[in-house]
Amino acid sequence: METEERRSTGAPAEGGTRIPRQPLWVEEPAGRRRMPDPVRTSAVRAVLIMSLTIIQAMVAFLATLTGSWLAFPMVLSGVGSTVVATWSVLDVWVTRQVWNQRHGVVSMPSSSARKLRRERRAARRAARAEDREAARIRRRGAGNLSRA
């Protein structure tokens, strides 16, 4: 018993050799980036709705096989649930697209994006040059007040 206690604490065993402690798990870098919160929320909602729809469809099928009075209402609600499940999957897709548009996507800029950036940069340079010129004119004219 004492030997086991020493081994678990990392103390030397009876022979004087130390047993290295192994971690419970080793952290590995994630293969993919984590989904944004709104997208993950809608994905979880879609999975729950789809699983409930599948359960409902199975119950409708079994109720139909047994000839239960519950079969017809279950089939009708199953059709409605299928529409809702499809809508929830589309919601995941739309939420992902909206998030990408609002927060940007890591991608290579296209030639049109470079062209727009070049035009914006040139417009900013021209505006700064105009401001400098206006400031220079004001400074030059400030000392030449009329002496009348």
N, C-alpha and C. Protein backbone atom coordinates (compact mmCIF):
# COMPACT_ATOMS: atom_id res chain seq x y z
N MET A 1 0.82 -1.19 0.00
CA MET A 1 0.00 0.00 0.00
C MET A 1 0.87 1.25 0.00
N GLU A 2 1.90 1.25 0.83
CA GLU A 2 2.77 2.41 0.89
C GLU A 2 3.51 2.59 -0.43
N THR A 3 3.89 1.49 -1.08
CA THR A 3 4.60 1.56 -2.35
C THR A 3 3.72 2.18 -3.41
N GLU A 4 2.44 1.78 -3.44
CA GLU A 4 1.52 2.37 -4.42
C GLU A 4 1.35 3.86 -4.19
N GLU A 5 1.31 4.26 -2.93
CA GLU A 5 1.14 5.67 -2.61
C GLU A 5 2.35 6.46 -3.09
N ARG A 6 3.53 5.90 -2.89
CA ARG A 6 4.74 6.58 -3.35
C ARG A 6 4.77 6.69 -4.86
N ARG A 7 4.34 5.64 -5.53
CA ARG A 7 4.33 5.67 -7.00
C ARG A 7 3.37 6.73 -7.52
N SER A 8 2.21 6.86 -6.91
CA SER A 8 1.23 7.81 -7.41
C SER A 8 1.66 9.24 -7.16
N THR A 9 2.48 9.48 -6.14
CA THR A 9 2.93 10.84 -5.86
C THR A 9 4.21 11.17 -6.60
N GLY A 10 4.81 10.21 -7.25
CA GLY A 10 6.03 10.46 -7.98
C GLY A 10 7.28 10.27 -7.13
N ALA A 11 7.11 9.78 -5.89
CA ALA A 11 8.26 9.52 -5.02
C ALA A 11 8.98 8.27 -5.52
N PRO A 12 10.24 8.11 -5.21
CA PRO A 12 10.96 6.92 -5.67
C PRO A 12 10.36 5.64 -5.09
N ALA A 13 10.30 4.62 -5.92
CA ALA A 13 9.78 3.33 -5.48
C ALA A 13 10.86 2.64 -4.64
N GLU A 14 10.61 1.40 -4.24
CA GLU A 14 11.54 0.69 -3.37
C GLU A 14 12.92 0.57 -3.99
N GLY A 15 12.99 0.37 -5.29
CA GLY A 15 14.28 0.20 -5.95
C GLY A 15 15.00 1.51 -6.18
N GLY A 16 14.38 2.63 -5.84
CA GLY A 16 15.03 3.91 -6.01
C GLY A 16 14.77 4.54 -7.38
N THR A 17 14.07 3.83 -8.27
CA THR A 17 13.79 4.41 -9.59
C THR A 17 12.52 5.25 -9.52
N ARG A 18 12.51 6.28 -10.28
CA ARG A 18 11.36 7.17 -10.29
C ARG A 18 10.44 6.82 -11.47
N ILE A 19 9.17 6.73 -11.18
CA ILE A 19 8.19 6.46 -12.24
C ILE A 19 7.63 7.81 -12.70
N PRO A 20 7.84 8.14 -13.97
CA PRO A 20 7.37 9.46 -14.43
C PRO A 20 5.85 9.53 -14.45
N ARG A 21 5.32 10.71 -14.12
CA ARG A 21 3.86 10.90 -14.14
C ARG A 21 3.42 11.16 -15.57
N GLN A 22 2.40 10.47 -15.98
CA GLN A 22 1.84 10.65 -17.31
C GLN A 22 0.65 11.61 -17.21
N PRO A 23 0.55 12.57 -18.10
CA PRO A 23 -0.64 13.43 -18.05
C PRO A 23 -1.88 12.63 -18.49
N LEU A 24 -3.04 13.07 -18.04
CA LEU A 24 -4.27 12.37 -18.40
C LEU A 24 -4.52 12.44 -19.90
N TRP A 25 -4.25 13.60 -20.51
CA TRP A 25 -4.39 13.72 -21.95
C TRP A 25 -3.38 14.73 -22.45
N VAL A 26 -3.12 14.67 -23.72
CA VAL A 26 -2.16 15.57 -24.35
C VAL A 26 -2.93 16.51 -25.26
N GLU A 27 -2.71 17.81 -25.07
CA GLU A 27 -3.39 18.80 -25.91
C GLU A 27 -2.82 18.74 -27.32
N GLU A 28 -3.69 18.65 -28.29
CA GLU A 28 -3.27 18.69 -29.68
C GLU A 28 -3.88 19.93 -30.32
N PRO A 29 -3.15 20.56 -31.23
CA PRO A 29 -3.72 21.74 -31.87
C PRO A 29 -4.95 21.36 -32.69
N ALA A 30 -5.94 22.24 -32.68
CA ALA A 30 -7.19 21.96 -33.40
C ALA A 30 -6.93 21.96 -34.90
N GLY A 31 -7.56 21.03 -35.58
CA GLY A 31 -7.40 20.95 -37.03
C GLY A 31 -8.15 22.06 -37.74
N ARG A 32 -9.28 22.46 -37.16
CA ARG A 32 -10.09 23.52 -37.77
C ARG A 32 -10.35 24.60 -36.74
N ARG A 33 -10.60 25.81 -37.25
CA ARG A 33 -10.92 26.89 -36.32
C ARG A 33 -12.32 26.70 -35.76
N ARG A 34 -12.54 27.25 -34.58
CA ARG A 34 -13.84 27.14 -33.93
C ARG A 34 -14.86 27.99 -34.67
N MET A 35 -16.09 27.47 -34.75
CA MET A 35 -17.16 28.23 -35.41
C MET A 35 -17.51 29.45 -34.58
N PRO A 36 -17.88 30.54 -35.22
CA PRO A 36 -18.33 31.71 -34.46
C PRO A 36 -19.58 31.37 -33.64
N ASP A 37 -19.77 32.08 -32.53
CA ASP A 37 -20.87 31.77 -31.60
C ASP A 37 -22.25 31.75 -32.26
N PRO A 38 -22.62 32.77 -33.06
CA PRO A 38 -23.97 32.72 -33.65
C PRO A 38 -24.17 31.52 -34.58
N VAL A 39 -23.12 31.18 -35.31
CA VAL A 39 -23.22 30.04 -36.24
C VAL A 39 -23.33 28.74 -35.44
N ARG A 40 -22.53 28.63 -34.38
CA ARG A 40 -22.59 27.41 -33.57
C ARG A 40 -23.95 27.28 -32.90
N THR A 41 -24.52 28.39 -32.43
CA THR A 41 -25.84 28.36 -31.80
C THR A 41 -26.89 27.86 -32.78
N SER A 42 -26.89 28.41 -34.00
CA SER A 42 -27.89 27.97 -34.98
C SER A 42 -27.65 26.53 -35.42
N ALA A 43 -26.38 26.10 -35.44
CA ALA A 43 -26.10 24.71 -35.81
C ALA A 43 -26.61 23.75 -34.74
N VAL A 44 -26.43 24.10 -33.47
CA VAL A 44 -26.94 23.24 -32.39
C VAL A 44 -28.46 23.18 -32.45
N ARG A 45 -29.08 24.34 -32.69
CA ARG A 45 -30.55 24.38 -32.80
C ARG A 45 -31.00 23.48 -33.95
N ALA A 46 -30.30 23.55 -35.09
CA ALA A 46 -30.68 22.74 -36.25
C ALA A 46 -30.54 21.25 -35.96
N VAL A 47 -29.48 20.87 -35.27
CA VAL A 47 -29.28 19.44 -34.96
C VAL A 47 -30.39 18.95 -34.03
N LEU A 48 -30.74 19.76 -33.03
CA LEU A 48 -31.83 19.34 -32.11
C LEU A 48 -33.15 19.20 -32.86
N ILE A 49 -33.47 20.17 -33.72
CA ILE A 49 -34.72 20.11 -34.47
C ILE A 49 -34.73 18.91 -35.40
N MET A 50 -33.59 18.66 -36.07
CA MET A 50 -33.54 17.52 -36.98
C MET A 50 -33.69 16.20 -36.24
N SER A 51 -33.06 16.09 -35.08
CA SER A 51 -33.18 14.83 -34.33
C SER A 51 -34.61 14.61 -33.85
N LEU A 52 -35.26 15.67 -33.40
CA LEU A 52 -36.66 15.53 -33.00
C LEU A 52 -37.55 15.17 -34.20
N THR A 53 -37.23 15.72 -35.36
CA THR A 53 -38.01 15.39 -36.57
C THR A 53 -37.84 13.92 -36.94
N ILE A 54 -36.62 13.42 -36.82
CA ILE A 54 -36.37 12.01 -37.14
C ILE A 54 -37.11 11.10 -36.15
N ILE A 55 -37.07 11.46 -34.87
CA ILE A 55 -37.81 10.68 -33.87
C ILE A 55 -39.31 10.71 -34.16
N GLN A 56 -39.80 11.89 -34.52
CA GLN A 56 -41.23 12.03 -34.83
C GLN A 56 -41.60 11.20 -36.06
N ALA A 57 -40.74 11.19 -37.06
CA ALA A 57 -41.02 10.40 -38.26
C ALA A 57 -41.03 8.91 -37.93
N MET A 58 -40.13 8.48 -37.06
CA MET A 58 -40.10 7.07 -36.67
C MET A 58 -41.37 6.70 -35.90
N VAL A 59 -41.80 7.56 -35.00
CA VAL A 59 -43.03 7.29 -34.25
C VAL A 59 -44.23 7.25 -35.20
N ALA A 60 -44.26 8.16 -36.18
CA ALA A 60 -45.36 8.17 -37.16
C ALA A 60 -45.37 6.87 -37.96
N PHE A 61 -44.19 6.41 -38.36
CA PHE A 61 -44.10 5.16 -39.12
C PHE A 61 -44.58 3.97 -38.29
N LEU A 62 -44.12 3.90 -37.04
CA LEU A 62 -44.53 2.77 -36.19
C LEU A 62 -46.03 2.84 -35.87
N ALA A 63 -46.56 4.06 -35.68
CA ALA A 63 -47.99 4.21 -35.42
C ALA A 63 -48.80 3.79 -36.64
N THR A 64 -48.26 4.07 -37.83
CA THR A 64 -48.94 3.66 -39.06
C THR A 64 -48.94 2.13 -39.18
N LEU A 65 -47.82 1.51 -38.85
CA LEU A 65 -47.74 0.05 -38.93
C LEU A 65 -48.73 -0.62 -37.98
N THR A 66 -48.91 -0.04 -36.81
CA THR A 66 -49.81 -0.65 -35.83
C THR A 66 -51.26 -0.27 -36.06
N GLY A 67 -51.51 0.67 -36.95
CA GLY A 67 -52.88 1.09 -37.23
C GLY A 67 -53.47 1.95 -36.12
N SER A 68 -52.64 2.66 -35.42
CA SER A 68 -53.09 3.50 -34.32
C SER A 68 -53.79 4.75 -34.84
N TRP A 69 -54.68 5.31 -34.02
CA TRP A 69 -55.36 6.55 -34.39
C TRP A 69 -54.37 7.72 -34.41
N LEU A 70 -53.21 7.55 -33.75
CA LEU A 70 -52.20 8.61 -33.67
C LEU A 70 -51.41 8.75 -34.96
N ALA A 71 -51.56 7.81 -35.88
CA ALA A 71 -50.74 7.81 -37.09
C ALA A 71 -50.98 9.06 -37.94
N PHE A 72 -52.23 9.40 -38.21
CA PHE A 72 -52.52 10.53 -39.09
C PHE A 72 -52.03 11.86 -38.51
N PRO A 73 -52.33 12.18 -37.25
CA PRO A 73 -51.78 13.43 -36.71
C PRO A 73 -50.25 13.46 -36.68
N MET A 74 -49.63 12.31 -36.44
CA MET A 74 -48.17 12.26 -36.41
C MET A 74 -47.58 12.48 -37.80
N VAL A 75 -48.23 11.94 -38.82
CA VAL A 75 -47.73 12.16 -40.19
C VAL A 75 -47.86 13.63 -40.56
N LEU A 76 -49.01 14.24 -40.22
CA LEU A 76 -49.18 15.67 -40.52
C LEU A 76 -48.14 16.53 -39.79
N SER A 77 -47.94 16.26 -38.51
CA SER A 77 -46.95 17.05 -37.78
C SER A 77 -45.53 16.73 -38.24
N GLY A 78 -45.32 15.52 -38.75
CA GLY A 78 -44.01 15.16 -39.31
C GLY A 78 -43.70 15.97 -40.55
N VAL A 79 -44.72 16.21 -41.37
CA VAL A 79 -44.52 17.05 -42.57
C VAL A 79 -44.15 18.47 -42.13
N GLY A 80 -44.88 18.98 -41.14
CA GLY A 80 -44.56 20.33 -40.64
C GLY A 80 -43.17 20.38 -40.03
N SER A 81 -42.79 19.35 -39.30
CA SER A 81 -41.46 19.31 -38.68
C SER A 81 -40.36 19.25 -39.74
N THR A 82 -40.64 18.57 -40.84
CA THR A 82 -39.65 18.51 -41.92
C THR A 82 -39.42 19.89 -42.51
N VAL A 83 -40.49 20.67 -42.66
CA VAL A 83 -40.35 22.04 -43.16
C VAL A 83 -39.52 22.87 -42.18
N VAL A 84 -39.81 22.73 -40.89
CA VAL A 84 -39.07 23.48 -39.87
C VAL A 84 -37.60 23.06 -39.83
N ALA A 85 -37.33 21.76 -39.97
CA ALA A 85 -35.95 21.28 -39.97
C ALA A 85 -35.18 21.82 -41.17
N THR A 86 -35.83 21.84 -42.33
CA THR A 86 -35.19 22.41 -43.52
C THR A 86 -34.89 23.88 -43.30
N TRP A 87 -35.83 24.59 -42.71
CA TRP A 87 -35.65 26.01 -42.42
C TRP A 87 -34.48 26.22 -41.46
N SER A 88 -34.34 25.35 -40.47
CA SER A 88 -33.26 25.51 -39.50
C SER A 88 -31.89 25.26 -40.14
N VAL A 89 -31.83 24.32 -41.07
CA VAL A 89 -30.57 24.08 -41.76
C VAL A 89 -30.23 25.28 -42.65
N LEU A 90 -31.22 25.85 -43.30
CA LEU A 90 -30.98 27.07 -44.08
C LEU A 90 -30.55 28.22 -43.18
N ASP A 91 -31.07 28.26 -41.96
CA ASP A 91 -30.70 29.30 -41.00
C ASP A 91 -29.21 29.21 -40.67
N VAL A 92 -28.69 28.00 -40.54
CA VAL A 92 -27.26 27.84 -40.28
C VAL A 92 -26.46 28.43 -41.43
N TRP A 93 -26.86 28.11 -42.64
CA TRP A 93 -26.15 28.58 -43.83
C TRP A 93 -26.20 30.10 -43.92
N VAL A 94 -27.38 30.67 -43.72
CA VAL A 94 -27.54 32.13 -43.81
C VAL A 94 -26.76 32.82 -42.70
N THR A 95 -26.82 32.28 -41.48
CA THR A 95 -26.08 32.88 -40.36
C THR A 95 -24.59 32.88 -40.63
N ARG A 96 -24.10 31.79 -41.21
CA ARG A 96 -22.68 31.71 -41.54
C ARG A 96 -22.29 32.73 -42.59
N GLN A 97 -23.14 32.88 -43.62
CA GLN A 97 -22.85 33.86 -44.67
C GLN A 97 -22.86 35.28 -44.11
N VAL A 98 -23.84 35.58 -43.27
CA VAL A 98 -23.95 36.92 -42.69
C VAL A 98 -22.73 37.21 -41.81
N TRP A 99 -22.33 36.23 -41.01
CA TRP A 99 -21.18 36.44 -40.13
C TRP A 99 -19.93 36.69 -40.96
N ASN A 100 -19.76 35.92 -42.04
CA ASN A 100 -18.59 36.11 -42.90
C ASN A 100 -18.60 37.50 -43.53
N GLN A 101 -19.76 37.97 -43.95
CA GLN A 101 -19.82 39.30 -44.56
C GLN A 101 -19.55 40.40 -43.55
N ARG A 102 -20.05 40.24 -42.33
CA ARG A 102 -19.86 41.30 -41.32
C ARG A 102 -18.45 41.33 -40.76
N HIS A 103 -17.85 40.16 -40.58
CA HIS A 103 -16.56 40.10 -39.90
C HIS A 103 -15.40 39.78 -40.82
N GLY A 104 -15.65 39.67 -42.09
CA GLY A 104 -14.57 39.43 -43.03
C GLY A 104 -14.18 37.97 -43.11
N VAL A 105 -13.59 37.62 -44.21
CA VAL A 105 -13.17 36.25 -44.45
C VAL A 105 -11.69 36.29 -44.78
N VAL A 106 -10.96 35.34 -44.27
CA VAL A 106 -9.55 35.26 -44.62
C VAL A 106 -9.45 34.68 -46.01
N SER A 107 -9.03 35.49 -46.95
CA SER A 107 -8.92 35.00 -48.33
C SER A 107 -7.89 35.84 -49.06
N MET A 108 -7.51 35.36 -50.20
CA MET A 108 -6.57 36.12 -51.03
C MET A 108 -7.35 37.22 -51.73
N PRO A 109 -6.83 38.45 -51.71
CA PRO A 109 -7.57 39.52 -52.38
C PRO A 109 -7.55 39.32 -53.89
N SER A 110 -8.67 39.57 -54.52
CA SER A 110 -8.74 39.42 -55.96
C SER A 110 -8.18 40.67 -56.62
N SER A 111 -7.99 40.62 -57.91
CA SER A 111 -7.43 41.77 -58.61
C SER A 111 -8.35 42.98 -58.49
N SER A 112 -9.68 42.75 -58.46
CA SER A 112 -10.60 43.88 -58.32
C SER A 112 -10.47 44.51 -56.94
N ALA A 113 -10.22 43.68 -55.92
CA ALA A 113 -10.03 44.23 -54.58
C ALA A 113 -8.77 45.07 -54.53
N ARG A 114 -7.71 44.62 -55.19
CA ARG A 114 -6.48 45.40 -55.23
C ARG A 114 -6.71 46.72 -55.94
N LYS A 115 -7.46 46.66 -57.03
CA LYS A 115 -7.73 47.87 -57.80
C LYS A 115 -8.50 48.89 -56.96
N LEU A 116 -9.54 48.42 -56.24
CA LEU A 116 -10.30 49.32 -55.39
C LEU A 116 -9.43 49.93 -54.29
N ARG A 117 -8.57 49.10 -53.70
CA ARG A 117 -7.69 49.60 -52.65
C ARG A 117 -6.74 50.65 -53.20
N ARG A 118 -6.19 50.42 -54.41
CA ARG A 118 -5.30 51.39 -55.06
C ARG A 118 -6.02 52.72 -55.28
N GLU A 119 -7.29 52.63 -55.76
CA GLU A 119 -8.06 53.86 -56.00
C GLU A 119 -8.32 54.61 -54.71
N ARG A 120 -8.67 53.88 -53.64
CA ARG A 120 -8.92 54.53 -52.35
C ARG A 120 -7.66 55.19 -51.82
N ARG A 121 -6.53 54.49 -51.97
CA ARG A 121 -5.26 55.05 -51.51
C ARG A 121 -4.92 56.33 -52.26
N ALA A 122 -5.13 56.33 -53.59
CA ALA A 122 -4.86 57.52 -54.39
C ALA A 122 -5.77 58.67 -53.98
N ALA A 123 -7.05 58.37 -53.69
CA ALA A 123 -7.98 59.42 -53.26
C ALA A 123 -7.55 60.00 -51.92
N ARG A 124 -7.09 59.14 -51.00
CA ARG A 124 -6.62 59.64 -49.69
C ARG A 124 -5.38 60.51 -49.86
N ARG A 125 -4.46 60.10 -50.73
CA ARG A 125 -3.26 60.91 -50.98
C ARG A 125 -3.62 62.27 -51.53
N ALA A 126 -4.58 62.28 -52.49
CA ALA A 126 -4.99 63.55 -53.08
C ALA A 126 -5.64 64.45 -52.03
N ALA A 127 -6.47 63.88 -51.15
CA ALA A 127 -7.11 64.68 -50.11
C ALA A 127 -6.07 65.24 -49.14
N ARG A 128 -5.06 64.44 -48.78
CA ARG A 128 -4.01 64.95 -47.88
C ARG A 128 -3.22 66.05 -48.55
N ALA A 129 -2.92 65.89 -49.85
CA ALA A 129 -2.17 66.93 -50.57
C ALA A 129 -2.98 68.23 -50.61
N GLU A 130 -4.30 68.12 -50.83
CA GLU A 130 -5.14 69.32 -50.82
C GLU A 130 -5.12 69.99 -49.46
N ASP A 131 -5.22 69.21 -48.39
CA ASP A 131 -5.19 69.77 -47.04
C ASP A 131 -3.87 70.49 -46.76
N ARG A 132 -2.77 69.86 -47.19
CA ARG A 132 -1.45 70.50 -46.99
C ARG A 132 -1.35 71.81 -47.75
N GLU A 133 -1.86 71.81 -48.98
CA GLU A 133 -1.81 73.02 -49.80
C GLU A 133 -2.65 74.13 -49.18
N ALA A 134 -3.85 73.78 -48.68
CA ALA A 134 -4.71 74.78 -48.04
C ALA A 134 -4.05 75.33 -46.78
N ALA A 135 -3.40 74.48 -46.01
CA ALA A 135 -2.72 74.93 -44.80
C ALA A 135 -1.55 75.84 -45.15
N ARG A 136 -0.84 75.52 -46.22
CA ARG A 136 0.30 76.33 -46.65
C ARG A 136 -0.16 77.71 -47.09
N ILE A 137 -1.27 77.77 -47.83
CA ILE A 137 -1.80 79.05 -48.29
C ILE A 137 -2.23 79.90 -47.10
N ARG A 138 -2.89 79.27 -46.11
CA ARG A 138 -3.33 80.01 -44.92
C ARG A 138 -2.13 80.56 -44.16
N ARG A 139 -1.07 79.76 -44.01
CA ARG A 139 0.12 80.22 -43.29
C ARG A 139 0.78 81.38 -44.02
N ARG A 140 0.87 81.30 -45.34
CA ARG A 140 1.53 82.34 -46.12
C ARG A 140 0.74 83.62 -46.07
N GLY A 141 -0.59 83.53 -46.08
CA GLY A 141 -1.42 84.73 -46.09
C GLY A 141 -1.60 85.33 -44.71
N ALA A 142 -1.28 84.65 -43.64
CA ALA A 142 -1.52 85.15 -42.29
C ALA A 142 -0.64 86.34 -41.95
N GLY A 143 0.58 86.39 -42.45
CA GLY A 143 1.48 87.47 -42.11
C GLY A 143 1.31 88.71 -42.98
N ASN A 144 0.58 88.64 -44.04
CA ASN A 144 0.43 89.75 -44.99
C ASN A 144 -0.90 90.43 -44.84
N LEU A 145 -1.23 90.87 -43.65
CA LEU A 145 -2.47 91.60 -43.45
C LEU A 145 -2.30 93.01 -44.02
N SER A 146 -3.38 93.59 -44.44
CA SER A 146 -3.26 94.94 -45.01
C SER A 146 -2.92 95.93 -43.90
N ARG A 147 -2.16 96.92 -44.23
CA ARG A 147 -1.68 97.87 -43.24
C ARG A 147 -2.52 99.14 -43.24
N ALA A 148 -3.71 99.06 -43.78
CA ALA A 148 -4.54 100.26 -43.91
C ALA A 148 -5.12 100.72 -42.61
